[in-house]
N, C-alpha and C. Protein backbone atom coordinates (compact mmCIF):
# COMPACT_ATOMS: atom_id res chain seq x y z
N MET A 1 1.16 -1.89 0.08
CA MET A 1 0.36 0.11 0.26
C MET A 1 0.74 1.41 0.05
N SER A 2 0.82 2.16 -0.65
CA SER A 2 1.32 3.88 -1.17
C SER A 2 1.04 4.44 -0.02
N ARG A 3 2.10 4.37 0.39
CA ARG A 3 2.29 5.59 1.92
C ARG A 3 1.62 7.37 1.11
N LYS A 4 0.17 8.12 1.49
CA LYS A 4 -0.39 8.92 0.74
C LYS A 4 0.83 10.24 1.18
N PRO A 5 1.33 11.37 -0.11
CA PRO A 5 2.47 11.76 0.15
C PRO A 5 2.17 13.17 1.20
N LYS A 6 2.84 14.25 1.63
CA LYS A 6 2.29 14.85 2.91
C LYS A 6 2.62 15.52 1.36
N LYS A 7 1.86 17.27 1.69
CA LYS A 7 1.43 18.54 1.39
C LYS A 7 2.60 18.74 1.90
N GLY A 8 2.75 19.92 0.63
CA GLY A 8 4.26 20.98 1.10
C GLY A 8 4.31 21.74 -0.56
N TYR A 9 5.70 22.06 -0.12
CA TYR A 9 6.42 22.56 -1.24
C TYR A 9 8.03 22.31 -0.74
N PHE A 10 8.70 22.91 -2.08
CA PHE A 10 9.36 22.96 -2.00
C PHE A 10 10.63 24.19 -2.07
N VAL A 11 11.63 24.46 -1.77
CA VAL A 11 12.21 25.75 -1.76
C VAL A 11 13.71 25.68 -1.63
N ARG A 12 14.59 26.60 -2.19
CA ARG A 12 15.55 25.83 -2.37
C ARG A 12 15.98 24.40 -3.18
N GLY A 13 15.12 23.92 -3.48
CA GLY A 13 16.13 22.26 -3.17
C GLY A 13 15.21 21.11 -2.44
N GLN A 14 14.73 22.31 -1.42
CA GLN A 14 14.56 21.46 0.12
C GLN A 14 12.90 21.87 -0.07
N PHE A 15 12.34 19.95 0.37
CA PHE A 15 10.58 19.96 0.30
C PHE A 15 10.57 20.18 2.24
N VAL A 16 9.27 21.15 1.69
CA VAL A 16 8.73 22.12 3.12
C VAL A 16 6.91 21.36 3.48
N ALA A 17 7.23 20.52 4.31
CA ALA A 17 5.82 20.01 5.02
C ALA A 17 5.54 21.26 4.93
N GLU A 18 3.76 21.30 5.39
CA GLU A 18 2.52 21.70 5.48
C GLU A 18 2.69 21.74 7.07
N GLY A 19 2.47 23.08 8.22
CA GLY A 19 2.54 23.00 9.01
C GLY A 19 3.71 22.53 10.50
N SER A 20 4.56 22.36 9.12
CA SER A 20 6.00 21.98 9.50
C SER A 20 6.48 23.04 10.97
N GLU A 21 7.58 23.04 11.28
CA GLU A 21 8.73 24.34 11.58
C GLU A 21 8.52 25.42 10.86
N LEU A 22 9.00 24.52 10.10
CA LEU A 22 10.13 25.72 9.17
C LEU A 22 9.13 25.88 8.13
N ASP A 23 8.30 25.04 8.13
CA ASP A 23 6.73 25.95 7.07
C ASP A 23 6.42 27.19 8.05
N LEU A 24 5.62 27.26 8.87
CA LEU A 24 5.90 28.49 9.94
C LEU A 24 6.80 29.21 9.63
N GLN A 25 8.37 28.62 9.74
CA GLN A 25 9.56 30.20 9.76
C GLN A 25 9.54 30.74 8.74
N TYR A 26 9.22 30.31 7.34
CA TYR A 26 8.40 30.71 6.05
C TYR A 26 7.67 31.65 6.33
N LYS A 27 6.54 31.38 6.34
CA LYS A 27 5.06 31.51 6.55
C LYS A 27 5.03 33.27 7.46
N ALA A 28 6.42 33.34 7.95
CA ALA A 28 6.45 34.68 8.92
C ALA A 28 7.44 35.27 8.00
N GLU A 29 8.88 35.20 7.59
CA GLU A 29 9.51 35.85 7.39
C GLU A 29 8.43 36.40 5.86
N LEU A 30 7.47 36.06 5.15
CA LEU A 30 6.75 36.10 4.27
C LEU A 30 5.69 37.55 4.91
N LYS A 31 5.14 37.14 5.98
CA LYS A 31 4.39 38.02 6.78
C LYS A 31 4.69 39.49 6.70
N GLY A 32 5.96 39.47 6.91
CA GLY A 32 7.28 40.41 8.02
C GLY A 32 6.91 40.47 9.27
N THR A 33 6.66 39.30 10.04
CA THR A 33 7.06 38.63 11.45
C THR A 33 8.50 38.10 11.65
N THR A 34 8.24 38.08 12.29
CA THR A 34 8.82 37.16 13.50
C THR A 34 8.54 36.63 14.76
N GLY A 35 7.22 35.99 13.72
CA GLY A 35 6.44 35.72 15.69
C GLY A 35 7.30 34.37 15.35
N ALA A 36 6.96 33.89 17.29
CA ALA A 36 7.83 32.27 17.58
C ALA A 36 7.27 30.87 16.75
N THR A 37 7.68 30.47 17.02
CA THR A 37 7.16 28.52 15.65
C THR A 37 6.25 28.39 16.99
N LYS A 38 5.05 27.62 16.46
CA LYS A 38 5.44 26.10 18.11
C LYS A 38 5.86 25.91 18.91
N THR A 39 6.79 25.11 18.49
CA THR A 39 7.61 24.95 19.24
C THR A 39 8.63 25.79 20.05
N ASP A 40 9.13 26.97 19.98
CA ASP A 40 8.71 28.16 21.12
C ASP A 40 7.88 27.91 21.75
N LEU A 41 7.30 28.49 21.35
CA LEU A 41 5.60 28.48 22.35
C LEU A 41 5.51 26.79 23.42
N LYS A 42 6.07 26.14 22.82
CA LYS A 42 5.19 25.28 23.26
C LYS A 42 6.94 24.86 24.57
N ARG A 43 7.78 25.18 23.63
CA ARG A 43 8.96 25.28 24.77
C ARG A 43 8.59 26.11 26.19
N GLU A 44 8.79 27.37 25.72
CA GLU A 44 8.53 28.70 26.66
C GLU A 44 7.07 27.98 27.68
N MET A 45 5.90 27.30 26.80
CA MET A 45 5.65 27.04 27.89
C MET A 45 5.26 25.99 28.98
N ASP A 46 6.09 24.89 28.74
CA ASP A 46 6.48 23.80 29.96
C ASP A 46 7.91 25.13 30.83
N ALA A 47 8.18 25.68 30.09
CA ALA A 47 9.12 26.73 31.00
C ALA A 47 8.42 27.31 32.12
N LEU A 48 7.37 27.52 31.78
CA LEU A 48 6.80 28.84 32.48
C LEU A 48 5.78 27.53 33.69
N GLN A 49 4.78 26.73 32.88
CA GLN A 49 4.64 25.39 33.81
C GLN A 49 5.79 25.02 35.31
N LYS A 50 6.83 24.65 34.44
CA LYS A 50 7.18 23.91 35.56
C LYS A 50 7.88 24.95 36.75
N LEU A 51 8.29 26.12 36.36
CA LEU A 51 8.51 27.52 37.83
C LEU A 51 7.03 27.43 37.98
N GLY A 52 5.71 27.74 37.56
CA GLY A 52 5.33 26.84 38.31
C GLY A 52 5.07 26.30 39.11
N ALA A 53 5.36 24.99 39.41
CA ALA A 53 5.08 24.27 39.84
C ALA A 53 6.59 24.13 41.17
N GLU A 54 7.38 24.68 40.61
CA GLU A 54 8.53 25.58 41.97
C GLU A 54 8.29 26.27 42.06
N LEU A 55 6.97 27.22 42.43
CA LEU A 55 6.38 28.01 43.40
C LEU A 55 5.69 27.27 44.97
N LEU A 56 5.08 26.56 44.81
CA LEU A 56 4.54 25.80 45.41
C LEU A 56 5.65 24.87 46.14
N THR A 57 6.86 25.11 45.99
CA THR A 57 8.08 24.39 47.29
C THR A 57 8.11 26.36 48.15
N LEU A 58 8.54 27.27 47.17
CA LEU A 58 8.50 28.24 48.33
C LEU A 58 8.11 29.08 49.46
N ARG A 59 8.54 29.41 49.71
CA ARG A 59 8.21 30.01 51.41
C ARG A 59 7.48 30.92 51.49
N THR A 60 6.51 30.85 52.55
CA THR A 60 6.05 31.99 52.60
C THR A 60 6.04 32.69 52.62
N ASP A 61 7.32 33.21 53.01
CA ASP A 61 7.36 34.85 53.78
C ASP A 61 8.01 35.19 51.66
N LEU A 62 8.73 34.46 50.76
CA LEU A 62 9.34 34.88 49.81
C LEU A 62 8.00 35.13 48.66
N PHE A 63 7.13 33.43 49.17
CA PHE A 63 5.77 34.26 48.16
C PHE A 63 5.11 34.61 48.66
N ALA A 64 4.65 35.09 49.40
CA ALA A 64 3.68 36.59 49.73
C ALA A 64 5.09 38.12 49.54
N ARG A 65 6.00 38.58 49.59
CA ARG A 65 6.74 39.49 48.47
C ARG A 65 6.31 39.15 47.01
N LEU A 66 5.99 38.38 46.75
CA LEU A 66 5.86 38.22 45.17
C LEU A 66 5.24 39.19 44.76
N ASP A 67 3.75 39.06 45.05
CA ASP A 67 1.92 39.79 45.13
C ASP A 67 1.34 39.12 44.03
N LEU A 68 1.54 37.95 43.77
CA LEU A 68 0.97 37.65 42.30
C LEU A 68 0.04 37.58 41.80
N PRO A 69 -0.73 38.18 41.29
CA PRO A 69 -2.26 37.70 40.62
C PRO A 69 -3.48 36.84 41.93
N GLU A 70 -4.78 37.40 42.06
CA GLU A 70 -5.15 36.33 42.70
C GLU A 70 -5.79 35.03 42.68
N LYS A 71 -6.10 35.24 41.02
CA LYS A 71 -6.21 34.03 40.79
C LYS A 71 -6.11 32.54 40.20
N LEU A 72 -3.93 33.32 40.45
CA LEU A 72 -2.55 32.63 40.02
C LEU A 72 -2.56 31.96 41.97
N GLN A 73 -2.75 32.75 42.75
CA GLN A 73 -3.04 32.46 43.90
C GLN A 73 -3.54 31.09 44.17
N ASP A 74 -4.74 31.21 44.04
CA ASP A 74 -6.03 30.24 43.81
C ASP A 74 -5.51 29.31 43.40
N ALA A 75 -4.88 29.62 42.48
CA ALA A 75 -4.89 28.29 41.28
C ALA A 75 -3.62 27.34 41.95
N LEU A 76 -3.01 27.86 42.86
CA LEU A 76 -1.46 27.55 43.36
C LEU A 76 -2.04 26.97 44.38
N ALA A 77 -3.38 27.54 45.56
CA ALA A 77 -3.50 27.09 46.65
C ALA A 77 -3.95 25.91 46.31
N GLU A 78 -4.71 25.60 44.69
CA GLU A 78 -6.55 24.97 44.37
C GLU A 78 -5.02 23.41 44.40
N ALA A 79 -3.61 24.16 43.18
CA ALA A 79 -3.32 23.03 42.46
C ALA A 79 -2.10 22.03 43.98
N ARG A 80 -2.03 22.51 45.19
CA ARG A 80 -1.87 22.37 46.84
C ARG A 80 -2.69 21.24 47.35
N ARG A 81 -3.68 21.37 47.42
CA ARG A 81 -4.72 20.44 47.35
C ARG A 81 -5.06 19.06 47.24
N ILE A 82 -4.70 19.13 45.80
CA ILE A 82 -5.07 17.98 44.41
C ILE A 82 -4.00 17.43 44.84
N THR A 83 -4.29 16.36 45.29
CA THR A 83 -3.61 15.12 45.50
C THR A 83 -3.68 13.43 43.81
N ASN A 84 -4.65 13.58 43.36
CA ASN A 84 -5.18 12.74 42.47
C ASN A 84 -4.08 13.11 41.54
N PHE A 85 -3.68 12.09 40.74
CA PHE A 85 -2.54 12.57 39.66
C PHE A 85 -2.50 13.34 38.44
N GLU A 86 -3.63 12.77 37.57
CA GLU A 86 -4.69 13.69 36.53
C GLU A 86 -4.73 14.98 36.77
N GLY A 87 -5.62 15.12 38.78
CA GLY A 87 -6.11 16.59 38.38
C GLY A 87 -5.02 17.39 38.83
N LYS A 88 -4.09 16.73 39.35
CA LYS A 88 -2.54 17.11 39.78
C LYS A 88 -1.82 18.23 38.46
N ARG A 89 -2.29 17.19 37.32
CA ARG A 89 -1.84 17.45 36.14
C ARG A 89 -2.47 17.86 35.11
N ARG A 90 -3.78 18.24 35.12
CA ARG A 90 -4.35 19.60 35.18
C ARG A 90 -4.47 20.41 35.86
N GLN A 91 -4.38 20.89 37.20
CA GLN A 91 -4.34 22.29 37.68
C GLN A 91 -3.34 22.65 36.83
N MET A 92 -2.07 21.69 37.32
CA MET A 92 -0.64 22.16 36.96
C MET A 92 -0.83 22.92 35.20
N GLN A 93 -1.49 22.70 34.04
CA GLN A 93 -1.62 22.79 33.47
C GLN A 93 -2.29 24.66 33.58
N PHE A 94 -3.33 24.60 33.59
CA PHE A 94 -3.91 25.32 34.56
C PHE A 94 -2.90 26.54 34.70
N VAL A 95 -2.01 26.52 35.21
CA VAL A 95 -1.59 27.34 36.48
C VAL A 95 -0.66 28.04 34.85
N GLY A 96 0.93 27.43 34.72
CA GLY A 96 0.56 27.20 33.66
C GLY A 96 0.01 28.68 32.35
N LYS A 97 -1.18 28.49 32.04
CA LYS A 97 -2.10 29.15 31.50
C LYS A 97 -1.89 30.36 32.17
N LEU A 98 -1.98 30.37 33.00
CA LEU A 98 -1.54 31.78 34.32
C LEU A 98 -0.10 32.22 33.91
N MET A 99 0.63 31.61 34.00
CA MET A 99 2.05 32.25 33.89
C MET A 99 1.88 33.29 33.30
N ARG A 100 1.45 32.31 31.47
CA ARG A 100 1.86 33.18 30.64
C ARG A 100 1.28 34.26 30.91
N LYS A 101 0.24 34.81 31.44
CA LYS A 101 -0.14 36.01 31.71
C LYS A 101 0.39 37.39 32.67
N LEU A 102 2.27 36.59 32.69
CA LEU A 102 2.46 37.76 33.78
C LEU A 102 3.58 38.05 32.74
N ASP A 103 3.73 39.05 33.30
CA ASP A 103 5.19 39.92 32.47
C ASP A 103 6.57 40.16 32.57
N ASP A 104 6.92 40.12 31.73
CA ASP A 104 8.17 39.87 32.50
C ASP A 104 9.23 40.03 33.19
N ASP A 105 9.06 41.39 34.16
CA ASP A 105 9.36 41.50 35.66
C ASP A 105 9.25 40.89 36.81
N ALA A 106 7.73 39.87 36.13
CA ALA A 106 7.45 39.07 37.80
C ALA A 106 7.88 38.13 37.07
N VAL A 107 7.78 37.73 35.72
CA VAL A 107 8.53 36.09 35.71
C VAL A 107 10.15 35.93 36.73
N ALA A 108 11.01 37.44 36.87
CA ALA A 108 12.27 37.61 37.06
C ALA A 108 12.14 37.87 38.56
N ALA A 109 11.10 38.01 38.34
CA ALA A 109 10.42 38.41 40.55
C ALA A 109 10.34 36.93 41.79
N ILE A 110 10.26 36.35 40.35
CA ILE A 110 9.58 34.53 40.62
C ILE A 110 11.25 33.87 41.01
N GLN A 111 11.96 33.78 39.99
CA GLN A 111 12.44 32.68 39.78
C GLN A 111 13.65 33.42 40.45
N ALA A 112 14.37 35.54 40.86
CA ALA A 112 14.99 35.35 41.98
C ALA A 112 14.73 34.90 43.14
N ALA A 113 12.81 35.23 43.61
CA ALA A 113 12.74 34.13 45.11
C ALA A 113 13.02 32.87 45.09
N LEU A 114 12.72 32.18 43.79
CA LEU A 114 13.71 30.26 44.14
C LEU A 114 14.61 30.78 44.21
N GLU A 115 15.63 31.77 43.36
CA GLU A 115 16.99 31.17 44.38
C GLU A 115 17.43 31.64 44.90
N GLU A 116 16.86 32.92 46.24
CA GLU A 116 16.71 33.24 46.86
C GLU A 116 17.04 31.27 47.88
N GLN A 117 16.05 31.32 48.49
CA GLN A 117 15.38 29.76 49.23
C GLN A 117 16.18 28.52 48.37
N HIS A 118 16.71 28.99 47.16
CA HIS A 118 17.83 27.86 46.99
C HIS A 118 19.17 28.51 48.16
N SER A 119 20.31 29.67 47.42
CA SER A 119 21.17 30.41 48.30
C SER A 119 21.05 30.09 49.32
N GLY A 120 20.11 30.64 49.93
CA GLY A 120 19.27 30.12 51.46
C GLY A 120 19.79 28.96 51.80
N SER A 121 19.25 27.33 51.25
CA SER A 121 18.91 25.96 52.36
C SER A 121 20.56 26.17 51.85
N ALA A 122 20.95 25.99 51.10
CA ALA A 122 23.02 25.92 50.33
C ALA A 122 23.60 26.78 51.38
N ALA A 123 23.24 27.97 52.04
CA ALA A 123 23.62 28.18 53.35
C ALA A 123 23.98 27.15 54.67
N GLU A 124 22.25 27.54 54.81
CA GLU A 124 22.50 26.67 55.75
C GLU A 124 22.69 24.63 55.72
N LYS A 125 22.77 23.82 55.11
CA LYS A 125 23.93 23.33 54.81
C LYS A 125 25.24 22.83 54.91
N LEU A 126 25.68 24.34 54.67
CA LEU A 126 27.30 24.89 55.13
C LEU A 126 27.79 25.40 56.06
N ALA A 127 25.99 25.92 56.86
CA ALA A 127 25.93 25.92 58.20
C ALA A 127 26.41 24.47 58.99
N LEU A 128 25.74 23.59 58.76
CA LEU A 128 25.96 22.27 59.25
C LEU A 128 26.98 21.68 59.24
N HIS A 129 27.43 21.95 57.89
CA HIS A 129 28.52 20.77 58.08
C HIS A 129 29.91 21.20 58.27
N GLN A 130 30.13 22.29 58.77
CA GLN A 130 30.83 23.31 59.22
C GLN A 130 30.38 23.39 60.88
N ALA A 131 29.75 23.09 61.09
CA ALA A 131 29.25 22.70 62.41
C ALA A 131 30.06 20.68 62.73
N GLU A 132 29.52 20.35 62.27
CA GLU A 132 29.43 19.01 62.71
C GLU A 132 31.11 18.74 62.64
N HIS A 133 32.09 19.31 61.40
CA HIS A 133 33.57 19.28 61.65
C HIS A 133 33.66 19.62 62.97
N TRP A 134 33.75 20.45 63.26
CA TRP A 134 33.97 21.51 64.24
C TRP A 134 33.89 20.13 65.96
N ARG A 135 32.68 19.26 65.69
CA ARG A 135 32.29 18.70 67.17
C ARG A 135 32.95 18.25 66.92
N ASP A 136 33.13 17.12 65.71
CA ASP A 136 34.37 15.85 66.08
C ASP A 136 35.23 16.09 66.12
N ARG A 137 36.28 16.83 65.93
CA ARG A 137 37.58 17.82 66.49
C ARG A 137 37.27 17.91 67.75
N LEU A 138 36.85 18.89 67.93
CA LEU A 138 37.23 18.93 69.57
C LEU A 138 36.71 17.44 69.97
N ILE A 139 36.18 16.41 69.67
CA ILE A 139 35.62 15.55 70.19
C ILE A 139 36.89 14.43 70.37
N ALA A 140 37.37 14.78 68.86
CA ALA A 140 38.66 13.97 68.67
C ALA A 140 40.02 13.96 69.35
N GLY A 141 40.12 14.98 69.85
CA GLY A 141 41.85 15.38 70.38
C GLY A 141 42.21 16.99 70.68
N ASP A 142 42.29 17.43 71.79
CA ASP A 142 42.15 18.03 72.81
C ASP A 142 43.56 19.24 72.20
N GLU A 143 43.97 18.87 70.87
CA GLU A 143 44.41 20.17 69.69
C GLU A 143 43.35 20.54 69.64
N ALA A 144 42.60 20.59 69.11
CA ALA A 144 41.44 21.60 68.75
C ALA A 144 40.62 22.40 69.75
N LEU A 145 40.82 22.72 70.49
CA LEU A 145 40.28 23.76 71.75
C LEU A 145 41.40 24.53 71.89
N ALA A 146 42.03 24.39 71.44
CA ALA A 146 42.60 25.90 71.66
C ALA A 146 42.74 26.60 69.75
N PRO A 147 42.42 26.55 69.00
CA PRO A 147 42.38 27.14 67.50
C PRO A 147 40.45 27.30 67.64
N TRP A 148 40.23 26.66 68.24
CA TRP A 148 38.78 26.68 68.65
C TRP A 148 38.35 28.54 69.51
N MET A 149 38.94 28.38 70.72
CA MET A 149 38.79 29.31 71.12
C MET A 149 39.60 30.71 70.75
N GLN A 150 40.96 30.94 69.92
CA GLN A 150 41.07 31.97 69.35
C GLN A 150 39.84 32.10 68.15
N GLN A 151 39.20 31.24 67.51
CA GLN A 151 37.84 31.60 65.93
C GLN A 151 37.01 32.45 67.57
N PHE A 152 36.54 31.33 68.86
CA PHE A 152 34.82 31.34 69.07
C PHE A 152 35.10 31.89 70.66
N PRO A 153 36.48 33.41 71.24
CA PRO A 153 36.75 33.41 72.42
C PRO A 153 35.42 34.31 73.16
N ASP A 154 33.86 34.10 72.75
CA ASP A 154 33.34 34.04 73.49
C ASP A 154 32.70 33.10 74.30
N THR A 155 33.02 31.43 73.89
CA THR A 155 32.92 30.65 74.42
C THR A 155 32.89 30.48 75.67
N ASP A 156 32.36 29.56 76.15
CA ASP A 156 32.16 29.29 78.11
C ASP A 156 33.28 27.89 77.90
N THR A 157 34.55 28.04 78.25
CA THR A 157 35.33 27.35 78.51
C THR A 157 34.83 26.17 78.86
N GLN A 158 34.42 26.28 80.18
CA GLN A 158 34.59 24.47 81.54
C GLN A 158 33.42 24.05 80.72
N GLN A 159 31.93 24.68 80.52
CA GLN A 159 30.87 23.89 79.40
C GLN A 159 31.50 22.68 78.74
N LEU A 160 32.00 24.33 77.45
CA LEU A 160 33.04 23.23 76.52
C LEU A 160 33.67 22.05 77.04
N ARG A 161 34.81 22.34 78.03
CA ARG A 161 35.74 21.24 78.55
C ARG A 161 34.26 20.24 78.52
N ALA A 162 33.89 19.93 79.82
CA ALA A 162 32.30 19.11 80.50
C ALA A 162 31.84 18.49 78.91
N LEU A 163 31.47 19.11 78.05
CA LEU A 163 30.89 18.35 77.24
C LEU A 163 31.43 16.94 76.64
N ILE A 164 32.33 18.09 76.16
CA ILE A 164 33.13 16.85 75.36
C ILE A 164 33.91 15.76 75.61
N ARG A 165 34.45 15.91 77.42
CA ARG A 165 34.59 14.58 78.38
C ARG A 165 33.70 13.64 78.39
N GLN A 166 32.14 14.23 78.45
CA GLN A 166 31.34 13.52 78.88
C GLN A 166 30.85 13.12 76.57
N ALA A 167 31.36 13.74 75.99
CA ALA A 167 31.27 13.40 74.59
C ALA A 167 31.42 11.56 74.45
N ARG A 168 33.17 12.31 75.32
CA ARG A 168 33.71 10.73 74.63
C ARG A 168 33.79 9.89 76.13
N LYS A 169 32.96 10.23 77.00
CA LYS A 169 32.80 8.76 78.02
C LYS A 169 31.36 8.85 77.48
N ASP A 170 30.46 9.35 76.40
CA ASP A 170 29.27 8.41 76.60
C ASP A 170 29.45 7.16 75.16
N ALA A 171 30.71 6.86 74.43
CA ALA A 171 30.92 6.46 73.52
C ALA A 171 30.85 4.92 73.94
N PRO A 172 29.84 4.15 73.40
CA PRO A 172 29.96 3.11 73.53
C PRO A 172 31.41 2.37 73.30
N PRO A 173 31.74 1.27 73.78
CA PRO A 173 33.40 0.60 73.69
C PRO A 173 33.65 0.80 71.97
N GLU A 174 32.53 -0.42 70.69
CA GLU A 174 33.34 0.05 69.80
C GLU A 174 33.59 1.17 69.36
N ASP A 175 32.82 2.53 69.87
CA ASP A 175 33.10 4.25 69.33
C ASP A 175 34.39 4.38 69.67
N LYS A 176 34.90 4.10 71.02
CA LYS A 176 36.08 3.98 71.31
C LYS A 176 37.16 4.99 70.77
N ALA A 177 37.44 3.31 70.22
CA ALA A 177 39.20 3.09 69.25
C ALA A 177 38.26 4.27 67.87
N ALA A 178 37.38 4.30 67.64
CA ALA A 178 36.97 5.60 66.10
C ALA A 178 37.61 7.06 67.15
N VAL A 179 36.45 7.09 67.72
CA VAL A 179 37.20 9.21 68.64
C VAL A 179 39.23 9.04 68.37
N SER A 180 39.98 7.57 69.16
CA SER A 180 41.44 7.58 68.81
C SER A 180 41.75 8.15 67.11
N GLN A 181 40.92 7.57 66.54
CA GLN A 181 41.62 7.87 64.99
C GLN A 181 41.13 9.12 64.28
N GLY A 182 39.76 10.28 65.38
CA GLY A 182 39.90 11.55 64.54
C GLY A 182 38.39 11.24 64.92
N LEU A 183 37.26 10.03 64.83
CA LEU A 183 36.29 9.88 65.02
C LEU A 183 35.50 10.58 65.51
N ALA A 184 33.93 10.96 65.60
CA ALA A 184 33.23 11.33 66.70
C ALA A 184 32.78 10.13 66.85
N PRO A 185 31.85 9.95 68.61
CA PRO A 185 31.56 8.95 68.71
C PRO A 185 29.49 9.69 68.42
N ARG A 186 28.71 8.62 68.12
CA ARG A 186 27.37 9.23 67.24
C ARG A 186 26.51 9.21 68.17
N LYS A 187 26.94 9.14 70.03
CA LYS A 187 25.47 8.77 70.71
C LYS A 187 25.72 9.74 72.12
N GLY A 188 24.47 10.01 72.65
CA GLY A 188 24.57 11.01 73.62
C GLY A 188 24.23 11.96 73.76
N ARG A 189 23.67 12.07 74.90
CA ARG A 189 23.59 13.69 74.94
C ARG A 189 24.24 15.15 74.75
N ALA A 190 25.39 14.70 75.32
CA ALA A 190 26.67 15.90 75.27
C ALA A 190 27.23 15.69 73.96
N PHE A 191 27.05 14.83 73.34
CA PHE A 191 27.41 14.72 71.95
C PHE A 191 26.29 15.76 71.32
N ARG A 192 24.98 15.62 71.66
CA ARG A 192 24.09 16.71 71.02
C ARG A 192 24.69 17.66 71.27
N GLU A 193 24.27 18.33 72.75
CA GLU A 193 25.08 20.06 73.06
C GLU A 193 26.13 20.25 73.04
N LEU A 194 27.06 19.59 72.32
CA LEU A 194 28.02 19.48 71.90
C LEU A 194 27.69 20.78 71.29
N PHE A 195 26.76 19.69 70.33
CA PHE A 195 27.39 20.29 68.94
C PHE A 195 25.88 22.06 68.52
N GLN A 196 25.06 21.91 70.18
CA GLN A 196 24.66 22.51 69.70
C GLN A 196 24.89 23.52 70.33
N LEU A 197 25.89 23.72 71.28
CA LEU A 197 27.25 25.03 71.76
C LEU A 197 27.41 25.54 70.80
N VAL A 198 28.15 24.34 69.74
CA VAL A 198 28.98 25.22 68.20
C VAL A 198 27.96 25.79 67.07
N ARG A 199 26.71 25.10 67.57
CA ARG A 199 26.82 26.17 66.51
C ARG A 199 25.78 27.19 66.82
N GLU A 200 25.77 27.46 68.13
CA GLU A 200 25.15 28.83 68.43
C GLU A 200 26.51 29.97 68.56
N GLN A 201 27.67 29.32 69.16
CA GLN A 201 28.24 30.02 68.74
C GLN A 201 28.85 30.67 67.84
N MET A 202 29.44 29.67 66.23
CA MET A 202 29.36 30.11 65.44
C MET A 202 27.56 30.76 64.47
N GLY A 203 27.20 30.59 65.07
CA GLY A 203 25.61 31.35 64.47
C GLY A 203 26.49 32.60 65.01
N ALA A 204 26.87 33.70 66.32
CA ALA A 204 26.58 34.63 66.93
C ALA A 204 28.29 34.94 66.51
N ALA A 205 28.61 34.10 66.44
CA ALA A 205 30.04 34.93 65.75
C ALA A 205 29.91 35.44 64.47
N GLN A 206 28.50 35.47 63.23
CA GLN A 206 28.55 35.59 61.92
C GLN A 206 28.12 36.35 62.47
N GLY A 207 27.01 36.64 63.19
CA GLY A 207 26.20 37.85 63.07
C GLY A 207 24.94 37.33 62.52
N HIS A 208 24.40 36.24 62.46
CA HIS A 208 22.55 35.50 61.94
C HIS A 208 22.77 34.73 62.91
N ASN A 209 22.68 34.96 64.56
CA ASN A 209 21.77 34.01 65.76
C ASN A 209 20.23 34.21 65.61
N GLU A 210 19.39 33.04 65.49
CA GLU A 210 18.31 33.38 64.91
C GLU A 210 17.75 33.59 66.52
N ASP A 211 17.58 33.71 67.73
CA ASP A 211 17.74 34.32 68.95
C ASP A 211 18.36 35.44 69.30
N PRO A 212 17.82 37.07 69.48
CA PRO A 212 18.42 37.86 69.57
C PRO A 212 18.36 38.20 70.56
N SER A 213 17.29 36.95 71.91
CA SER A 213 17.26 37.12 73.18
C SER A 213 18.13 36.22 73.78
N ASP A 214 18.81 35.13 73.09
CA ASP A 214 20.10 34.84 73.78
C ASP A 214 21.11 35.49 74.42
N THR A 215 21.53 36.55 74.07
CA THR A 215 22.62 37.08 73.15
C THR A 215 22.43 38.90 73.97
N ASN A 216 23.41 38.86 75.17
CA ASN A 216 22.95 39.70 75.69
C ASN A 216 23.69 40.91 75.45
N ASP A 217 23.89 42.02 76.08
CA ASP A 217 24.54 43.28 75.54
C ASP A 217 25.52 42.99 75.66
N GLU A 218 26.38 42.46 76.06
CA GLU A 218 28.40 42.51 76.65
C GLU A 218 27.80 42.31 75.14
N GLU A 219 27.78 40.91 74.86
CA GLU A 219 28.03 40.04 73.01
C GLU A 219 27.84 40.76 72.31
N ASP A 220 26.56 41.58 72.20
CA ASP A 220 26.17 42.87 70.78
C ASP A 220 27.48 43.29 70.70
N GLY A 221 28.37 43.76 71.49
CA GLY A 221 29.70 44.56 71.44
C GLY A 221 29.88 44.23 70.61
N HIS A 222 30.53 42.92 70.58
CA HIS A 222 31.78 42.02 69.65
C HIS A 222 31.69 42.19 68.59
N ALA A 223 32.77 41.87 67.72
CA ALA A 223 32.44 41.99 66.44
C ALA A 223 32.33 40.90 65.53
N PRO A 224 32.01 40.23 64.77
CA PRO A 224 32.04 39.79 63.57
C PRO A 224 33.04 38.38 63.75
């Protein structure tokens, strides 16, 4: 059975099928326009729908700052409530449609808010990693105490030493060998309290103490 030939035409020896991307491009040129092709529009639509999906993960404070159109806010709220896969997919298509009505400044603001949230998360993970590193060094050997106090002189030395000693004592027999090899034990109340102390001192030194009530007037005078 012979295949039905496609409708189209030839341009400079090349066959152009009707409705193809190249056909649309040629027709746009003939009209004197630079309109986007169907592929471009589809790509833009998918990108905006994906951006709308990322909005569902945005923190409340950052979301409120955007001051999005009420209809879009309602559509996003409905998308959060829907648990059915197909229903959620259709709702996100609607969100994408509303997203296409936003101007460039609004889209840029959304992207900036998402980037701010991502950067904040990365910074928090880095701070946690640094605190874990210092805790492990302090438990693993006394030689870490001097450099710690040099960087964080406001630390209560007696409390710090007591927590270190207790964390070492709390280590189960199988973990004591690990401590001697420079590894910290993973159990015990003192282990957790030492980590909290380390985090608080590092946060205060960087000027990012989350609870200002924990910092007295004298500490406020220290340079970060």
